[in-house]
Amino acid sequence: MATMEAMLDKSLSSRKAQEKKVMDYLRANEDSVMDLSISQIAEGAGVSSPTVVRFCKSLGFEGLKDFKINFQAETRKTRKISEPITWDSTESEMVDLMREKSVFAVQSLFSTDNMEASTRMAEAIVEADNIEVIGMGGSAIIAEYLFKELLRYGKKASLLNDPYMMVHNTVGRSERDICIAVSCSGTNNDVLTAVSRAKKEGKRIYSITNNEDSTLAEMSETHIRSCTVTGFMDEGNVFSRLSQFTAVNMITLKTALMLGRSSEEYKQSFNESSNYHNFTSGDKDVH
């Protein structure tokens, strides 16, 4: 359930068995939480009342009342995240929904699993001789952005954002080549064909996808899970792009920091190229 996942942001594995029961009960009774007393929650979850109190305090709340107030606020936000923007939406409704959906799309990226995955991907990029970036259709813009950022940070990369480019990809091969694919669904045939080819060539596969159960995720050594948020007329990928752009920024920034921490020469070279870019682009605030 999105509300509790967004609100708690803690894995079940980190909780004691009794607290898990409380969480499961609250998940199953989201609509009535505001009306439940400590004793009712305890009875419904099959735990003691002190366990319910400990559960609330472990999340940083003073008690059940404080938990309910924050829970209600999160519930409202989550319902907005799930509510589509339609032709009948007023401007104020559209703005409100856009704000909540956009914030959630970015915030949801910063899970522990995603941060660990982005670190592993950055480490692979640092060690790679060549990085092949794949993204078709709506994901092509994310793939192109990643490709350009990799070049900006001094890595050798190639871009496949069109099915016809697959047969013309002539980047030199190395045992340290990797492939990073972007696909919201993780089931795009063109992407999967390109990734399958890359895997046969011995490349390690990494991906950014909304669907952690997809074929693409299963083929990947590591994947970052971007969000799925209902957009205009139920279009689900519009806001996913926000989290994917953020994922790219996270990956490439970690890459740059890793490279810079291991090489003063890299930092100097990067600083010089950045200053040159600022100068030629007319940025007067050059340091």
Protein backbone atom coordinates (compact mmCIF):
# COMPACT_ATOMS: atom_id res chain seq x y z
CA MET A 1 0.00 0.00 0.00
CA ALA A 2 1.56 3.25 -1.14
CA THR A 3 0.56 5.34 1.89
CA MET A 4 2.28 3.23 4.51
CA GLU A 5 5.31 2.58 2.31
CA ALA A 6 5.77 6.29 1.70
CA MET A 7 5.15 7.22 5.30
CA LEU A 8 7.17 4.61 7.12
CA ASP A 9 10.00 4.23 4.60
CA LYS A 10 11.42 1.37 6.62
CA SER A 11 11.84 -2.22 5.54
CA LEU A 12 9.80 -4.91 7.23
CA SER A 13 12.98 -6.86 7.87
CA SER A 14 14.17 -4.16 10.28
CA ARG A 15 11.11 -4.51 12.52
CA LYS A 16 10.30 -6.89 15.34
CA ALA A 17 7.61 -9.49 14.69
CA GLN A 18 5.04 -7.74 16.90
CA GLU A 19 5.58 -4.36 15.23
CA LYS A 20 5.18 -6.01 11.84
CA LYS A 21 1.74 -7.13 12.94
CA VAL A 22 0.82 -3.54 13.78
CA MET A 23 2.06 -2.34 10.40
CA ASP A 24 0.17 -5.06 8.55
CA TYR A 25 -3.03 -4.23 10.42
CA LEU A 26 -2.72 -0.51 9.69
CA ARG A 27 -2.08 -1.26 6.03
CA ALA A 28 -5.22 -3.36 5.86
CA ASN A 29 -7.34 -0.72 7.62
CA GLU A 30 -6.09 2.54 6.16
CA ASP A 31 -9.52 4.13 5.82
CA SER A 32 -10.46 3.60 9.48
CA VAL A 33 -7.14 4.33 11.20
CA MET A 34 -8.27 7.79 12.34
CA ASP A 35 -11.16 6.26 14.30
CA LEU A 36 -9.23 3.44 15.98
CA SER A 37 -8.03 3.55 19.58
CA ILE A 38 -4.82 1.99 20.86
CA SER A 39 -6.75 -0.94 22.30
CA GLN A 40 -8.66 -1.50 19.04
CA ILE A 41 -5.44 -1.52 17.01
CA ALA A 42 -3.79 -3.82 19.54
CA GLU A 43 -6.75 -6.23 19.45
CA GLY A 44 -6.97 -6.16 15.68
CA ALA A 45 -3.23 -6.74 15.27
CA GLY A 46 -3.10 -9.35 18.01
CA VAL A 47 -0.53 -7.47 20.08
CA SER A 48 -0.41 -5.56 23.36
CA SER A 49 -1.24 -1.86 23.69
CA PRO A 50 2.38 -1.01 24.68
CA THR A 51 3.52 -2.57 21.39
CA VAL A 52 1.31 -0.13 19.48
CA VAL A 53 2.82 2.77 21.41
CA ARG A 54 6.36 1.49 20.80
CA PHE A 55 5.54 1.18 17.11
CA CYS A 56 4.51 4.85 16.91
CA LYS A 57 7.51 6.05 18.90
CA SER A 58 9.93 3.99 16.81
CA LEU A 59 8.80 6.10 13.85
CA GLY A 60 9.57 9.30 15.72
CA PHE A 61 6.04 10.14 16.90
CA GLU A 62 5.12 11.00 20.49
CA GLY A 63 2.24 8.56 20.47
CA LEU A 64 -0.81 7.35 18.57
CA LYS A 65 -2.42 10.80 18.30
CA ASP A 66 0.71 12.31 16.74
CA PHE A 67 0.95 9.30 14.41
CA LYS A 68 -2.68 9.73 13.29
CA ILE A 69 -2.25 13.41 12.46
CA ASN A 70 0.74 12.68 10.25
CA PHE A 71 -0.89 9.57 8.86
CA GLN A 72 -3.94 11.56 7.78
CA ALA A 73 -1.75 14.13 6.03
CA GLU A 74 0.15 11.38 4.24
CA THR A 75 -3.08 9.67 3.26
CA ARG A 76 -4.33 12.84 1.60
CA LYS A 77 -1.06 13.21 -0.29
CA THR A 78 -1.11 9.61 -1.42
CA ARG A 79 -4.65 9.91 -2.72
CA LYS A 80 -3.58 12.94 -4.72
CA ILE A 81 -0.67 10.93 -6.11
CA SER A 82 -3.11 8.24 -7.24
CA GLU A 83 -5.69 10.68 -8.64
CA PRO A 84 -5.39 11.29 -12.39
CA ILE A 85 -5.37 14.74 -13.96
CA THR A 86 -8.31 14.85 -16.38
CA TRP A 87 -9.94 17.21 -18.87
CA ASP A 88 -12.28 18.25 -16.06
CA SER A 89 -9.53 19.19 -13.59
CA THR A 90 -9.59 22.87 -12.65
CA GLU A 91 -6.37 24.87 -12.81
CA SER A 92 -6.01 24.86 -9.02
CA GLU A 93 -6.61 21.09 -8.91
CA MET A 94 -4.09 20.57 -11.70
CA VAL A 95 -1.45 22.66 -9.93
CA ASP A 96 -2.06 20.88 -6.62
CA LEU A 97 -1.85 17.44 -8.21
CA MET A 98 1.22 18.37 -10.26
CA ARG A 99 3.01 19.56 -7.13
CA GLU A 100 2.28 16.46 -5.06
CA LYS A 101 3.03 14.05 -7.89
CA SER A 102 6.28 15.79 -8.82
CA VAL A 103 7.56 15.88 -5.25
CA PHE A 104 6.66 12.23 -4.72
CA ALA A 105 8.30 11.21 -8.00
CA VAL A 106 11.63 12.65 -6.89
CA GLN A 107 11.44 11.71 -3.22
CA SER A 108 10.56 8.09 -3.97
CA LEU A 109 13.89 7.66 -5.74
CA PHE A 110 15.84 8.13 -2.51
CA SER A 111 15.13 4.71 -1.02
CA THR A 112 17.94 2.74 0.58
CA ASP A 113 17.81 0.15 -2.21
CA ASN A 114 18.07 2.80 -4.93
CA MET A 115 20.94 4.59 -3.22
CA GLU A 116 22.87 1.34 -2.92
CA ALA A 117 22.10 0.51 -6.55
CA SER A 118 23.25 3.93 -7.75
CA THR A 119 26.55 3.46 -5.90
CA ARG A 120 27.11 0.07 -7.53
CA MET A 121 26.31 1.53 -10.95
CA ALA A 122 28.70 4.44 -10.40
CA GLU A 123 31.45 2.02 -9.37
CA ALA A 124 30.85 0.02 -12.55
CA ILE A 125 30.97 3.19 -14.67
CA VAL A 126 34.26 4.25 -13.08
CA GLU A 127 35.84 0.91 -13.98
CA ALA A 128 34.25 0.63 -17.45
CA ASP A 129 36.14 1.21 -20.69
CA ASN A 130 32.93 1.81 -22.65
CA ILE A 131 29.35 2.42 -21.54
CA GLU A 132 26.51 1.60 -23.91
CA VAL A 133 23.34 3.54 -23.06
CA ILE A 134 20.02 2.21 -24.37
CA GLY A 135 16.61 3.88 -24.34
CA MET A 136 13.83 3.77 -26.91
CA GLY A 137 10.57 5.66 -27.37
CA GLY A 138 9.71 7.86 -24.40
CA SER A 139 12.82 6.71 -22.53
CA ALA A 140 15.12 7.92 -25.32
CA ILE A 141 15.34 11.40 -23.79
CA ILE A 142 16.56 9.96 -20.48
CA ALA A 143 19.08 7.75 -22.25
CA GLU A 144 20.41 10.72 -24.24
CA TYR A 145 20.73 12.78 -21.06
CA LEU A 146 22.68 9.98 -19.36
CA PHE A 147 24.89 9.61 -22.45
CA LYS A 148 25.75 13.33 -22.49
CA GLU A 149 26.40 13.42 -18.75
CA LEU A 150 28.79 10.47 -19.04
CA LEU A 151 30.68 12.29 -21.77
CA ARG A 152 30.75 15.44 -19.65
CA TYR A 153 32.33 13.48 -16.82
CA GLY A 154 34.98 12.05 -19.10
CA LYS A 155 33.67 8.53 -19.79
CA LYS A 156 33.58 6.90 -23.21
CA ALA A 157 29.97 6.13 -24.11
CA SER A 158 27.71 5.26 -27.01
CA LEU A 159 23.98 5.86 -27.37
CA LEU A 160 21.28 3.58 -28.80
CA ASN A 161 18.00 5.47 -28.83
CA ASP A 162 16.62 4.19 -32.11
CA PRO A 163 16.02 0.55 -33.19
CA TYR A 164 17.87 1.17 -36.46
CA MET A 165 21.00 2.22 -34.58
CA MET A 166 21.42 -1.25 -33.11
CA VAL A 167 22.84 -2.65 -36.34
CA HIS A 168 25.19 0.30 -36.75
CA ASN A 169 26.71 0.28 -33.27
CA THR A 170 30.44 -0.05 -33.87
CA VAL A 171 31.92 1.02 -30.53
CA GLY A 172 35.02 -1.03 -29.71
CA ARG A 173 34.54 -3.96 -27.40
CA SER A 174 36.30 -4.55 -24.07
CA GLU A 175 35.81 -7.02 -21.25
CA ARG A 176 35.07 -4.04 -19.04
CA ASP A 177 32.21 -2.73 -21.19
CA ILE A 178 28.87 -2.21 -19.47
CA CYS A 179 25.36 -1.44 -20.67
CA ILE A 180 22.81 0.83 -18.96
CA ALA A 181 19.23 0.56 -20.23
CA VAL A 182 16.28 2.81 -19.46
CA SER A 183 12.69 1.56 -19.79
CA CYS A 184 9.65 2.46 -17.71
CA SER A 185 7.91 -0.86 -18.36
CA GLY A 186 11.06 -2.95 -18.58
CA THR A 187 9.36 -4.88 -21.38
CA ASN A 188 10.04 -2.75 -24.48
CA ASN A 189 10.97 -5.22 -27.23
CA ASP A 190 13.56 -2.98 -28.87
CA VAL A 191 15.27 -2.34 -25.54
CA LEU A 192 15.23 -6.03 -24.60
CA THR A 193 16.65 -6.97 -28.01
CA ALA A 194 19.50 -4.48 -27.61
CA VAL A 195 20.15 -5.57 -24.01
CA SER A 196 20.14 -9.26 -24.99
CA ARG A 197 22.69 -8.51 -27.68
CA ALA A 198 24.85 -6.57 -25.23
CA LYS A 199 24.69 -9.41 -22.72
CA LYS A 200 25.75 -11.94 -25.32
CA GLU A 201 28.74 -9.73 -26.06
CA GLY A 202 29.74 -10.04 -22.42
CA LYS A 203 28.60 -6.67 -21.15
CA ARG A 204 27.33 -6.31 -17.60
CA ILE A 205 23.77 -4.98 -17.61
CA TYR A 206 22.38 -2.19 -15.43
CA SER A 207 19.00 -0.52 -15.74
CA ILE A 208 16.55 2.15 -14.63
CA THR A 209 12.95 0.92 -14.71
CA ASN A 210 9.60 1.32 -12.96
CA ASN A 211 9.00 -2.42 -12.95
CA GLU A 212 11.29 -4.40 -10.66
CA ASP A 213 9.61 -7.63 -11.79
CA SER A 214 10.22 -6.95 -15.49
CA THR A 215 12.42 -8.90 -17.87
CA LEU A 216 14.83 -5.97 -18.01
CA ALA A 217 15.24 -5.89 -14.22
CA GLU A 218 15.79 -9.65 -14.15
CA MET A 219 18.47 -9.35 -16.83
CA SER A 220 20.25 -6.61 -14.89
CA GLU A 221 23.04 -7.02 -12.41
CA THR A 222 21.65 -3.97 -10.64
CA HIS A 223 18.61 -1.81 -11.32
CA ILE A 224 17.25 1.46 -9.97
CA ARG A 225 13.50 1.52 -9.48
CA SER A 226 11.91 4.71 -10.75
CA CYS A 227 8.39 5.54 -9.61
CA THR A 228 4.99 4.95 -11.16
CA VAL A 229 2.66 7.91 -10.59
CA THR A 230 -0.68 8.42 -12.31
CA GLY A 231 -0.48 11.42 -14.63
CA PHE A 232 -2.77 13.05 -17.18
CA MET A 233 -5.63 10.74 -18.17
CA ASP A 234 -3.95 7.84 -16.32
CA GLU A 235 -0.70 8.17 -18.29
CA GLY A 236 1.74 6.61 -15.84
CA ASN A 237 5.16 7.49 -17.24
CA VAL A 238 5.06 11.29 -17.28
CA PHE A 239 6.21 11.69 -13.68
CA SER A 240 8.48 8.67 -13.89
CA ARG A 241 10.78 10.80 -16.05
CA LEU A 242 11.37 13.13 -13.10
CA SER A 243 12.67 10.30 -10.94
CA GLN A 244 14.69 8.93 -13.86
CA PHE A 245 16.35 12.31 -14.47
CA THR A 246 17.15 12.41 -10.76
CA ALA A 247 18.54 8.88 -10.97
CA VAL A 248 20.85 9.91 -13.80
CA ASN A 249 22.06 12.92 -11.82
CA MET A 250 22.69 10.72 -8.78
CA ILE A 251 24.61 8.09 -10.76
CA THR A 252 26.78 10.54 -12.69
CA LEU A 253 27.50 12.75 -9.68
CA LYS A 254 28.62 9.73 -7.67
CA THR A 255 30.78 8.73 -10.64
CA ALA A 256 32.43 12.16 -10.78
CA LEU A 257 33.08 12.20 -7.03
CA MET A 258 34.62 8.72 -7.15
CA LEU A 259 36.87 9.73 -10.03
CA GLY A 260 37.84 12.99 -8.35
CA ARG A 261 38.62 11.41 -4.99
CA SER A 262 41.01 8.98 -6.63
CA SER A 263 42.73 11.47 -8.92
CA GLU A 264 43.79 15.07 -8.40
CA GLU A 265 44.51 15.21 -12.12
CA TYR A 266 40.87 14.38 -12.87
CA LYS A 267 39.62 17.13 -10.55
CA GLN A 268 41.92 19.67 -12.15
CA SER A 269 40.90 18.62 -15.64
CA PHE A 270 37.21 18.73 -14.73
CA ASN A 271 37.52 22.15 -13.11
CA GLU A 272 39.28 23.50 -16.20
CA SER A 273 36.67 22.11 -18.58
CA SER A 274 33.84 23.45 -16.39
CA ASN A 275 35.36 26.93 -16.32
CA TYR A 276 35.82 26.82 -20.08
CA HIS A 277 32.16 25.86 -20.52
CA ASN A 278 31.02 28.69 -18.22
CA PHE A 279 33.20 31.18 -20.08
CA THR A 280 32.05 30.16 -23.57
CA SER A 281 28.40 29.99 -22.53
CA GLY A 282 28.50 33.57 -21.25
CA ASP A 283 28.30 32.76 -17.57
CA LYS A 284 29.82 35.76 -15.82
CA ASP A 285 29.93 34.10 -12.43
CA VAL A 286 33.06 32.06 -13.12
CA HIS A 287 35.16 31.07 -10.12
